[in-house]
Amino acid sequence: MLGPYVIPGVVLLAVLGMFAVHDWRRDKSITIEQVDPEKQTYKSVLLRTVKIFAFIVALELLGAGFRPFIDQFIVSLSDLALYLLNMLSAILDNATLAAAEISPKMHPDQIKTVLMSLLISGGMLITGNIPNIVTAGRLKIRFKDWAKFALPLGAGMMVVYYVVSFVLHI
């Protein structure tokens, strides 16, 4: 359902990233430190697996807890309202929003709206998802620098995807 939208977007962002990262490093004179991978043991891998499983269970419980609210209020929202509401994903974790927001009572177009808006807006700020936090930490990108680049890009992408998906129905 999302492949025709996601794949071209990823390719275009990768090409943009080649040039933006090059300019960012040249302009900022930032050196990227080599990060030593932590030594993995069977115990640490098992512990990480248990933590991930617990996180997924917690997301499922959160979704079940919000289901009456979602079924009563969110399912009846328009595509535009859902799309704009999910810009909260720039601030909140998008996995949590998806778990709390998606309902079996939703129409497939509503689910597409929710997922696309979460995918796009989750990259607009560092706090949008865990990979953003890790990347910013490893590359020493400040919140302000990330936001200066990602907010306008994300807002533009939100407009383009909305027009393509919901106005033109492509």
N, C-alpha and C. Protein backbone atom coordinates (compact mmCIF):
# COMPACT_ATOMS: atom_id res chain seq x y z
N MET A 1 0.82 -1.19 0.00
CA MET A 1 0.00 0.00 0.00
C MET A 1 0.87 1.27 0.00
N LEU A 2 2.00 1.24 0.68
CA LEU A 2 2.83 2.44 0.79
C LEU A 2 4.04 2.44 -0.13
N GLY A 3 4.38 1.31 -0.71
CA GLY A 3 5.57 1.20 -1.55
C GLY A 3 5.67 2.24 -2.65
N PRO A 4 4.60 2.48 -3.42
CA PRO A 4 4.69 3.47 -4.49
C PRO A 4 4.99 4.89 -3.98
N TYR A 5 4.72 5.15 -2.72
CA TYR A 5 5.00 6.47 -2.14
C TYR A 5 6.36 6.49 -1.46
N VAL A 6 6.66 5.44 -0.73
CA VAL A 6 7.87 5.41 0.10
C VAL A 6 9.13 5.24 -0.74
N ILE A 7 9.14 4.32 -1.68
CA ILE A 7 10.36 4.02 -2.44
C ILE A 7 10.88 5.25 -3.20
N PRO A 8 10.05 5.95 -3.99
CA PRO A 8 10.58 7.15 -4.66
C PRO A 8 11.05 8.22 -3.66
N GLY A 9 10.34 8.35 -2.55
CA GLY A 9 10.74 9.32 -1.53
C GLY A 9 12.08 8.99 -0.92
N VAL A 10 12.33 7.73 -0.63
CA VAL A 10 13.61 7.32 -0.06
C VAL A 10 14.74 7.57 -1.05
N VAL A 11 14.50 7.24 -2.32
CA VAL A 11 15.54 7.46 -3.34
C VAL A 11 15.85 8.95 -3.47
N LEU A 12 14.82 9.79 -3.55
CA LEU A 12 15.04 11.24 -3.66
C LEU A 12 15.74 11.81 -2.43
N LEU A 13 15.36 11.34 -1.25
CA LEU A 13 16.01 11.82 -0.03
C LEU A 13 17.46 11.34 0.05
N ALA A 14 17.74 10.15 -0.46
CA ALA A 14 19.12 9.65 -0.48
C ALA A 14 19.99 10.52 -1.37
N VAL A 15 19.47 10.88 -2.54
CA VAL A 15 20.22 11.76 -3.45
C VAL A 15 20.41 13.13 -2.80
N LEU A 16 19.37 13.68 -2.22
CA LEU A 16 19.48 14.95 -1.52
C LEU A 16 20.49 14.84 -0.38
N GLY A 17 20.45 13.73 0.34
CA GLY A 17 21.37 13.52 1.46
C GLY A 17 22.82 13.50 1.03
N MET A 18 23.11 12.98 -0.15
CA MET A 18 24.49 12.97 -0.64
C MET A 18 25.05 14.38 -0.72
N PHE A 19 24.23 15.29 -1.21
CA PHE A 19 24.69 16.67 -1.39
C PHE A 19 24.60 17.46 -0.09
N ALA A 20 23.55 17.27 0.67
CA ALA A 20 23.36 18.03 1.91
C ALA A 20 24.42 17.67 2.94
N VAL A 21 24.74 16.40 3.10
CA VAL A 21 25.75 15.99 4.07
C VAL A 21 27.11 16.51 3.64
N HIS A 22 27.39 16.46 2.36
CA HIS A 22 28.67 16.98 1.88
C HIS A 22 28.79 18.47 2.23
N ASP A 23 27.76 19.26 1.93
CA ASP A 23 27.79 20.69 2.23
C ASP A 23 27.83 20.94 3.73
N TRP A 24 27.07 20.16 4.49
CA TRP A 24 27.01 20.32 5.94
C TRP A 24 28.38 20.10 6.56
N ARG A 25 29.07 19.06 6.12
CA ARG A 25 30.39 18.77 6.69
C ARG A 25 31.40 19.84 6.28
N ARG A 26 31.34 20.29 5.04
CA ARG A 26 32.28 21.30 4.57
C ARG A 26 32.03 22.63 5.27
N ASP A 27 30.75 23.03 5.36
CA ASP A 27 30.41 24.32 5.96
C ASP A 27 30.66 24.35 7.46
N LYS A 28 30.38 23.29 8.14
CA LYS A 28 30.48 23.26 9.59
C LYS A 28 31.85 22.82 10.09
N SER A 29 32.68 22.29 9.21
CA SER A 29 34.00 21.77 9.59
C SER A 29 33.90 20.77 10.73
N ILE A 30 32.91 19.93 10.65
CA ILE A 30 32.68 18.95 11.70
C ILE A 30 33.38 17.66 11.31
N THR A 31 34.10 17.10 12.26
CA THR A 31 34.70 15.79 12.03
C THR A 31 33.83 14.76 12.73
N ILE A 32 33.57 13.70 12.04
CA ILE A 32 32.75 12.64 12.61
C ILE A 32 33.68 11.66 13.30
N GLU A 33 33.45 11.48 14.58
CA GLU A 33 34.29 10.57 15.35
C GLU A 33 33.96 9.13 15.00
N GLN A 34 34.98 8.31 14.99
CA GLN A 34 34.76 6.89 14.79
C GLN A 34 34.25 6.32 16.11
N VAL A 35 33.10 5.71 16.07
CA VAL A 35 32.51 5.16 17.28
C VAL A 35 32.86 3.68 17.35
N ASP A 36 33.46 3.28 18.46
CA ASP A 36 33.79 1.87 18.65
C ASP A 36 32.52 1.12 19.00
N PRO A 37 32.21 0.07 18.26
CA PRO A 37 31.02 -0.70 18.63
C PRO A 37 31.25 -1.37 19.98
N GLU A 38 30.18 -1.38 20.77
CA GLU A 38 30.33 -2.02 22.07
C GLU A 38 30.48 -3.51 21.90
N LYS A 39 31.20 -4.11 22.80
CA LYS A 39 31.39 -5.56 22.71
C LYS A 39 30.08 -6.26 23.05
N GLN A 40 29.69 -7.16 22.17
CA GLN A 40 28.44 -7.88 22.35
C GLN A 40 28.71 -9.22 23.03
N THR A 41 27.89 -9.51 23.99
CA THR A 41 27.92 -10.82 24.64
C THR A 41 26.54 -11.45 24.45
N TYR A 42 26.46 -12.73 24.67
CA TYR A 42 25.16 -13.38 24.57
C TYR A 42 24.19 -12.78 25.58
N LYS A 43 24.68 -12.46 26.75
CA LYS A 43 23.83 -11.88 27.79
C LYS A 43 23.29 -10.52 27.34
N SER A 44 24.15 -9.66 26.75
CA SER A 44 23.68 -8.33 26.33
C SER A 44 22.69 -8.43 25.17
N VAL A 45 22.91 -9.37 24.26
CA VAL A 45 21.98 -9.57 23.14
C VAL A 45 20.64 -10.07 23.66
N LEU A 46 20.66 -11.01 24.59
CA LEU A 46 19.42 -11.53 25.17
C LEU A 46 18.68 -10.44 25.94
N LEU A 47 19.40 -9.63 26.70
CA LEU A 47 18.79 -8.55 27.46
C LEU A 47 18.15 -7.53 26.51
N ARG A 48 18.83 -7.17 25.43
CA ARG A 48 18.28 -6.24 24.45
C ARG A 48 17.03 -6.83 23.81
N THR A 49 17.04 -8.12 23.52
CA THR A 49 15.88 -8.79 22.93
C THR A 49 14.68 -8.72 23.87
N VAL A 50 14.91 -8.97 25.15
CA VAL A 50 13.83 -8.90 26.13
C VAL A 50 13.29 -7.47 26.23
N LYS A 51 14.17 -6.47 26.20
CA LYS A 51 13.72 -5.08 26.26
C LYS A 51 12.88 -4.71 25.04
N ILE A 52 13.29 -5.15 23.87
CA ILE A 52 12.53 -4.86 22.66
C ILE A 52 11.17 -5.54 22.72
N PHE A 53 11.14 -6.79 23.18
CA PHE A 53 9.88 -7.51 23.31
C PHE A 53 8.96 -6.79 24.29
N ALA A 54 9.50 -6.34 25.41
CA ALA A 54 8.71 -5.61 26.40
C ALA A 54 8.16 -4.31 25.82
N PHE A 55 8.96 -3.63 25.02
CA PHE A 55 8.53 -2.40 24.38
C PHE A 55 7.36 -2.67 23.43
N ILE A 56 7.46 -3.73 22.64
CA ILE A 56 6.40 -4.07 21.69
C ILE A 56 5.11 -4.45 22.43
N VAL A 57 5.25 -5.22 23.51
CA VAL A 57 4.08 -5.58 24.32
C VAL A 57 3.44 -4.32 24.89
N ALA A 58 4.26 -3.39 25.38
CA ALA A 58 3.74 -2.14 25.93
C ALA A 58 3.00 -1.33 24.85
N LEU A 59 3.54 -1.31 23.63
CA LEU A 59 2.86 -0.61 22.54
C LEU A 59 1.51 -1.24 22.24
N GLU A 60 1.45 -2.57 22.25
CA GLU A 60 0.18 -3.27 22.00
C GLU A 60 -0.83 -2.95 23.10
N LEU A 61 -0.38 -2.93 24.35
CA LEU A 61 -1.28 -2.60 25.46
C LEU A 61 -1.75 -1.15 25.37
N LEU A 62 -0.85 -0.26 24.99
CA LEU A 62 -1.22 1.14 24.81
C LEU A 62 -2.28 1.27 23.73
N GLY A 63 -2.08 0.58 22.61
CA GLY A 63 -3.06 0.61 21.53
C GLY A 63 -4.41 0.08 21.97
N ALA A 64 -4.41 -1.00 22.73
CA ALA A 64 -5.67 -1.57 23.23
C ALA A 64 -6.36 -0.61 24.19
N GLY A 65 -5.57 0.07 25.00
CA GLY A 65 -6.13 1.02 25.95
C GLY A 65 -6.76 2.23 25.27
N PHE A 66 -6.17 2.67 24.18
CA PHE A 66 -6.69 3.83 23.45
C PHE A 66 -7.79 3.47 22.45
N ARG A 67 -8.02 2.18 22.21
CA ARG A 67 -8.96 1.76 21.18
C ARG A 67 -10.34 2.40 21.31
N PRO A 68 -10.96 2.46 22.49
CA PRO A 68 -12.29 3.10 22.56
C PRO A 68 -12.24 4.58 22.13
N PHE A 69 -11.22 5.30 22.55
CA PHE A 69 -11.07 6.71 22.17
C PHE A 69 -10.86 6.85 20.67
N ILE A 70 -9.99 6.01 20.13
CA ILE A 70 -9.69 6.06 18.70
C ILE A 70 -10.95 5.73 17.89
N ASP A 71 -11.65 4.67 18.29
CA ASP A 71 -12.85 4.26 17.56
C ASP A 71 -13.95 5.32 17.62
N GLN A 72 -14.03 6.06 18.71
CA GLN A 72 -15.08 7.06 18.84
C GLN A 72 -14.73 8.39 18.17
N PHE A 73 -13.47 8.82 18.28
CA PHE A 73 -13.12 10.16 17.81
C PHE A 73 -12.22 10.19 16.59
N ILE A 74 -11.17 9.40 16.57
CA ILE A 74 -10.16 9.50 15.52
C ILE A 74 -10.66 8.91 14.20
N VAL A 75 -11.38 7.79 14.25
CA VAL A 75 -11.84 7.12 13.03
C VAL A 75 -12.71 8.05 12.19
N SER A 76 -13.41 8.96 12.83
CA SER A 76 -14.31 9.85 12.09
C SER A 76 -13.63 11.10 11.52
N LEU A 77 -12.34 11.28 11.78
CA LEU A 77 -11.63 12.46 11.28
C LEU A 77 -11.39 12.35 9.77
N SER A 78 -11.31 13.49 9.13
CA SER A 78 -11.00 13.53 7.70
C SER A 78 -9.53 13.19 7.48
N ASP A 79 -9.20 12.90 6.22
CA ASP A 79 -7.80 12.61 5.88
C ASP A 79 -6.90 13.79 6.24
N LEU A 80 -7.33 14.99 5.93
CA LEU A 80 -6.53 16.18 6.23
C LEU A 80 -6.31 16.33 7.73
N ALA A 81 -7.36 16.14 8.52
CA ALA A 81 -7.22 16.25 9.97
C ALA A 81 -6.27 15.19 10.53
N LEU A 82 -6.40 13.96 10.05
CA LEU A 82 -5.48 12.89 10.47
C LEU A 82 -4.05 13.22 10.09
N TYR A 83 -3.89 13.70 8.88
CA TYR A 83 -2.57 14.02 8.35
C TYR A 83 -1.90 15.10 9.21
N LEU A 84 -2.65 16.16 9.49
CA LEU A 84 -2.10 17.26 10.29
C LEU A 84 -1.90 16.86 11.75
N LEU A 85 -2.82 16.08 12.29
CA LEU A 85 -2.71 15.62 13.67
C LEU A 85 -1.41 14.84 13.88
N ASN A 86 -1.02 14.09 12.88
CA ASN A 86 0.17 13.25 13.02
C ASN A 86 1.47 14.02 12.87
N MET A 87 1.39 15.31 12.67
CA MET A 87 2.62 16.10 12.72
C MET A 87 3.17 16.12 14.15
N LEU A 88 2.34 15.69 15.10
CA LEU A 88 2.83 15.51 16.48
C LEU A 88 3.97 14.50 16.52
N SER A 89 4.04 13.67 15.49
CA SER A 89 5.10 12.67 15.43
C SER A 89 6.48 13.29 15.39
N ALA A 90 6.58 14.55 14.99
CA ALA A 90 7.86 15.24 15.00
C ALA A 90 8.35 15.42 16.44
N ILE A 91 7.42 15.50 17.37
CA ILE A 91 7.77 15.73 18.77
C ILE A 91 7.71 14.42 19.55
N LEU A 92 6.67 13.64 19.31
CA LEU A 92 6.48 12.38 20.02
C LEU A 92 7.01 11.23 19.18
N ASP A 93 7.23 10.12 19.79
CA ASP A 93 7.72 8.93 19.09
C ASP A 93 6.64 8.39 18.17
N ASN A 94 6.96 8.22 16.88
CA ASN A 94 5.94 7.79 15.93
C ASN A 94 5.48 6.35 16.13
N ALA A 95 6.29 5.50 16.69
CA ALA A 95 5.85 4.12 16.96
C ALA A 95 4.74 4.12 18.00
N THR A 96 4.88 4.97 18.99
CA THR A 96 3.86 5.08 20.03
C THR A 96 2.56 5.61 19.45
N LEU A 97 2.65 6.64 18.61
CA LEU A 97 1.45 7.19 17.99
C LEU A 97 0.76 6.16 17.11
N ALA A 98 1.53 5.42 16.32
CA ALA A 98 0.93 4.41 15.44
C ALA A 98 0.22 3.34 16.26
N ALA A 99 0.86 2.90 17.33
CA ALA A 99 0.24 1.85 18.16
C ALA A 99 -1.03 2.36 18.82
N ALA A 100 -1.03 3.63 19.22
CA ALA A 100 -2.19 4.17 19.91
C ALA A 100 -3.29 4.61 18.96
N GLU A 101 -2.96 4.85 17.70
CA GLU A 101 -3.90 5.49 16.80
C GLU A 101 -4.58 4.57 15.79
N ILE A 102 -3.91 3.56 15.34
CA ILE A 102 -4.48 2.72 14.28
C ILE A 102 -5.50 1.75 14.87
N SER A 103 -6.64 1.68 14.20
CA SER A 103 -7.75 0.84 14.66
C SER A 103 -8.22 -0.05 13.51
N PRO A 104 -8.69 -1.25 13.81
CA PRO A 104 -9.25 -2.11 12.76
C PRO A 104 -10.48 -1.50 12.09
N LYS A 105 -11.10 -0.52 12.74
CA LYS A 105 -12.28 0.13 12.17
C LYS A 105 -11.92 1.18 11.12
N MET A 106 -10.64 1.45 10.96
CA MET A 106 -10.22 2.47 10.00
C MET A 106 -10.27 1.93 8.58
N HIS A 107 -10.59 2.81 7.67
CA HIS A 107 -10.58 2.50 6.24
C HIS A 107 -9.11 2.44 5.80
N PRO A 108 -8.77 1.63 4.79
CA PRO A 108 -7.37 1.56 4.33
C PRO A 108 -6.77 2.92 3.96
N ASP A 109 -7.58 3.83 3.41
CA ASP A 109 -7.06 5.16 3.10
C ASP A 109 -6.68 5.92 4.37
N GLN A 110 -7.45 5.73 5.43
CA GLN A 110 -7.11 6.37 6.69
C GLN A 110 -5.81 5.82 7.26
N ILE A 111 -5.61 4.52 7.14
CA ILE A 111 -4.37 3.91 7.63
C ILE A 111 -3.20 4.42 6.81
N LYS A 112 -3.38 4.53 5.49
CA LYS A 112 -2.33 5.09 4.64
C LYS A 112 -2.01 6.52 5.07
N THR A 113 -3.04 7.30 5.35
CA THR A 113 -2.84 8.68 5.80
C THR A 113 -2.03 8.72 7.08
N VAL A 114 -2.42 7.91 8.03
CA VAL A 114 -1.73 7.88 9.32
C VAL A 114 -0.26 7.47 9.13
N LEU A 115 -0.03 6.40 8.42
CA LEU A 115 1.33 5.90 8.26
C LEU A 115 2.22 6.86 7.48
N MET A 116 1.71 7.43 6.40
CA MET A 116 2.53 8.37 5.63
C MET A 116 2.86 9.62 6.43
N SER A 117 1.89 10.14 7.16
CA SER A 117 2.16 11.34 7.95
C SER A 117 3.14 11.03 9.08
N LEU A 118 3.05 9.86 9.66
CA LEU A 118 4.01 9.48 10.71
C LEU A 118 5.41 9.30 10.14
N LEU A 119 5.50 8.67 8.97
CA LEU A 119 6.81 8.47 8.34
C LEU A 119 7.49 9.80 8.04
N ILE A 120 6.74 10.73 7.49
CA ILE A 120 7.34 12.00 7.10
C ILE A 120 7.64 12.87 8.31
N SER A 121 6.65 13.08 9.15
CA SER A 121 6.86 14.02 10.26
C SER A 121 7.78 13.46 11.33
N GLY A 122 7.95 12.15 11.40
CA GLY A 122 8.87 11.56 12.37
C GLY A 122 10.32 11.95 12.14
N GLY A 123 10.65 12.43 10.95
CA GLY A 123 12.01 12.85 10.67
C GLY A 123 12.24 14.34 10.82
N MET A 124 11.19 15.08 11.13
CA MET A 124 11.29 16.54 11.16
C MET A 124 12.05 17.09 12.36
N LEU A 125 12.06 16.37 13.45
CA LEU A 125 12.83 16.77 14.63
C LEU A 125 13.56 15.55 15.17
N ILE A 126 14.59 15.79 15.94
CA ILE A 126 15.38 14.68 16.49
C ILE A 126 14.51 13.75 17.32
N THR A 127 13.57 14.32 18.07
CA THR A 127 12.76 13.51 18.98
C THR A 127 11.72 12.64 18.28
N GLY A 128 11.58 12.75 16.94
CA GLY A 128 10.54 12.03 16.22
C GLY A 128 10.65 10.52 16.26
N ASN A 129 11.86 10.00 16.32
CA ASN A 129 12.02 8.55 16.42
C ASN A 129 13.43 8.21 16.89
N ILE A 130 13.61 6.99 17.32
CA ILE A 130 14.87 6.54 17.90
C ILE A 130 16.04 6.69 16.93
N PRO A 131 15.92 6.32 15.64
CA PRO A 131 17.06 6.51 14.73
C PRO A 131 17.52 7.97 14.64
N ASN A 132 16.59 8.91 14.72
CA ASN A 132 16.98 10.32 14.72
C ASN A 132 17.87 10.63 15.92
N ILE A 133 17.48 10.15 17.07
CA ILE A 133 18.21 10.41 18.31
C ILE A 133 19.62 9.82 18.22
N VAL A 134 19.70 8.58 17.75
CA VAL A 134 21.00 7.91 17.63
C VAL A 134 21.88 8.63 16.62
N THR A 135 21.32 8.95 15.45
CA THR A 135 22.09 9.63 14.40
C THR A 135 22.59 10.98 14.88
N ALA A 136 21.73 11.77 15.48
CA ALA A 136 22.14 13.09 15.95
C ALA A 136 23.23 12.97 17.02
N GLY A 137 23.11 11.99 17.88
CA GLY A 137 24.12 11.79 18.91
C GLY A 137 25.46 11.37 18.34
N ARG A 138 25.44 10.44 17.43
CA ARG A 138 26.69 9.94 16.85
C ARG A 138 27.39 10.97 15.98
N LEU A 139 26.59 11.75 15.24
CA LEU A 139 27.17 12.75 14.34
C LEU A 139 27.30 14.13 14.99
N LYS A 140 26.89 14.22 16.24
CA LYS A 140 26.97 15.46 17.00
C LYS A 140 26.21 16.60 16.30
N ILE A 141 25.00 16.29 15.85
CA ILE A 141 24.14 17.29 15.23
C ILE A 141 23.27 17.88 16.33
N ARG A 142 23.28 19.19 16.43
CA ARG A 142 22.46 19.86 17.45
C ARG A 142 21.02 19.92 16.99
N PHE A 143 20.11 20.03 17.96
CA PHE A 143 18.67 20.08 17.70
C PHE A 143 18.34 21.21 16.73
N LYS A 144 18.92 22.38 16.97
CA LYS A 144 18.65 23.56 16.14
C LYS A 144 19.09 23.33 14.69
N ASP A 145 20.27 22.73 14.50
CA ASP A 145 20.76 22.47 13.15
C ASP A 145 19.87 21.45 12.43
N TRP A 146 19.46 20.42 13.14
CA TRP A 146 18.56 19.41 12.57
C TRP A 146 17.26 20.08 12.14
N ALA A 147 16.68 20.85 13.04
CA ALA A 147 15.38 21.48 12.78
C ALA A 147 15.46 22.46 11.60
N LYS A 148 16.56 23.21 11.50
CA LYS A 148 16.71 24.18 10.41
C LYS A 148 16.64 23.50 9.05
N PHE A 149 17.18 22.30 8.96
CA PHE A 149 17.19 21.58 7.70
C PHE A 149 15.91 20.74 7.52
N ALA A 150 15.54 20.00 8.56
CA ALA A 150 14.49 18.99 8.44
C ALA A 150 13.07 19.55 8.49
N LEU A 151 12.84 20.61 9.24
CA LEU A 151 11.47 21.14 9.30
C LEU A 151 10.97 21.66 7.95
N PRO A 152 11.74 22.50 7.25
CA PRO A 152 11.25 22.93 5.93
C PRO A 152 11.14 21.77 4.94
N LEU A 153 12.12 20.87 4.97
CA LEU A 153 12.07 19.71 4.08
C LEU A 153 10.86 18.85 4.39
N GLY A 154 10.63 18.56 5.66
CA GLY A 154 9.49 17.74 6.06
C GLY A 154 8.17 18.41 5.74
N ALA A 155 8.07 19.72 5.97
CA ALA A 155 6.82 20.43 5.66
C ALA A 155 6.55 20.38 4.16
N GLY A 156 7.59 20.56 3.36
CA GLY A 156 7.42 20.45 1.91
C GLY A 156 6.98 19.07 1.50
N MET A 157 7.59 18.05 2.11
CA MET A 157 7.22 16.67 1.79
C MET A 157 5.77 16.39 2.20
N MET A 158 5.37 16.92 3.36
CA MET A 158 3.99 16.72 3.80
C MET A 158 3.01 17.29 2.77
N VAL A 159 3.29 18.47 2.25
CA VAL A 159 2.42 19.09 1.25
C VAL A 159 2.40 18.27 -0.03
N VAL A 160 3.58 17.89 -0.53
CA VAL A 160 3.66 17.13 -1.78
C VAL A 160 2.94 15.79 -1.64
N TYR A 161 3.20 15.06 -0.57
CA TYR A 161 2.56 13.77 -0.39
C TYR A 161 1.05 13.90 -0.22
N TYR A 162 0.62 14.96 0.46
CA TYR A 162 -0.82 15.14 0.61
C TYR A 162 -1.47 15.39 -0.75
N VAL A 163 -0.89 16.27 -1.54
CA VAL A 163 -1.44 16.58 -2.86
C VAL A 163 -1.44 15.32 -3.74
N VAL A 164 -0.32 14.62 -3.79
CA VAL A 164 -0.21 13.42 -4.64
C VAL A 164 -1.19 12.33 -4.17
N SER A 165 -1.24 12.11 -2.87
CA SER A 165 -2.04 11.00 -2.34
C SER A 165 -3.53 11.28 -2.28
N PHE A 166 -3.89 12.47 -1.86
CA PHE A 166 -5.29 12.70 -1.51
C PHE A 166 -6.01 13.68 -2.43
N VAL A 167 -5.28 14.56 -3.06
CA VAL A 167 -5.92 15.49 -3.99
C VAL A 167 -5.93 14.89 -5.39
N LEU A 168 -4.75 14.44 -5.85
CA LEU A 168 -4.66 13.86 -7.18
C LEU A 168 -5.00 12.37 -7.21
N HIS A 169 -5.01 11.73 -6.05
CA HIS A 169 -5.31 10.29 -5.91
C HIS A 169 -4.40 9.43 -6.80
N ILE A 170 -3.12 9.76 -6.81
CA ILE A 170 -2.16 8.99 -7.61
C ILE A 170 -1.67 7.82 -6.80
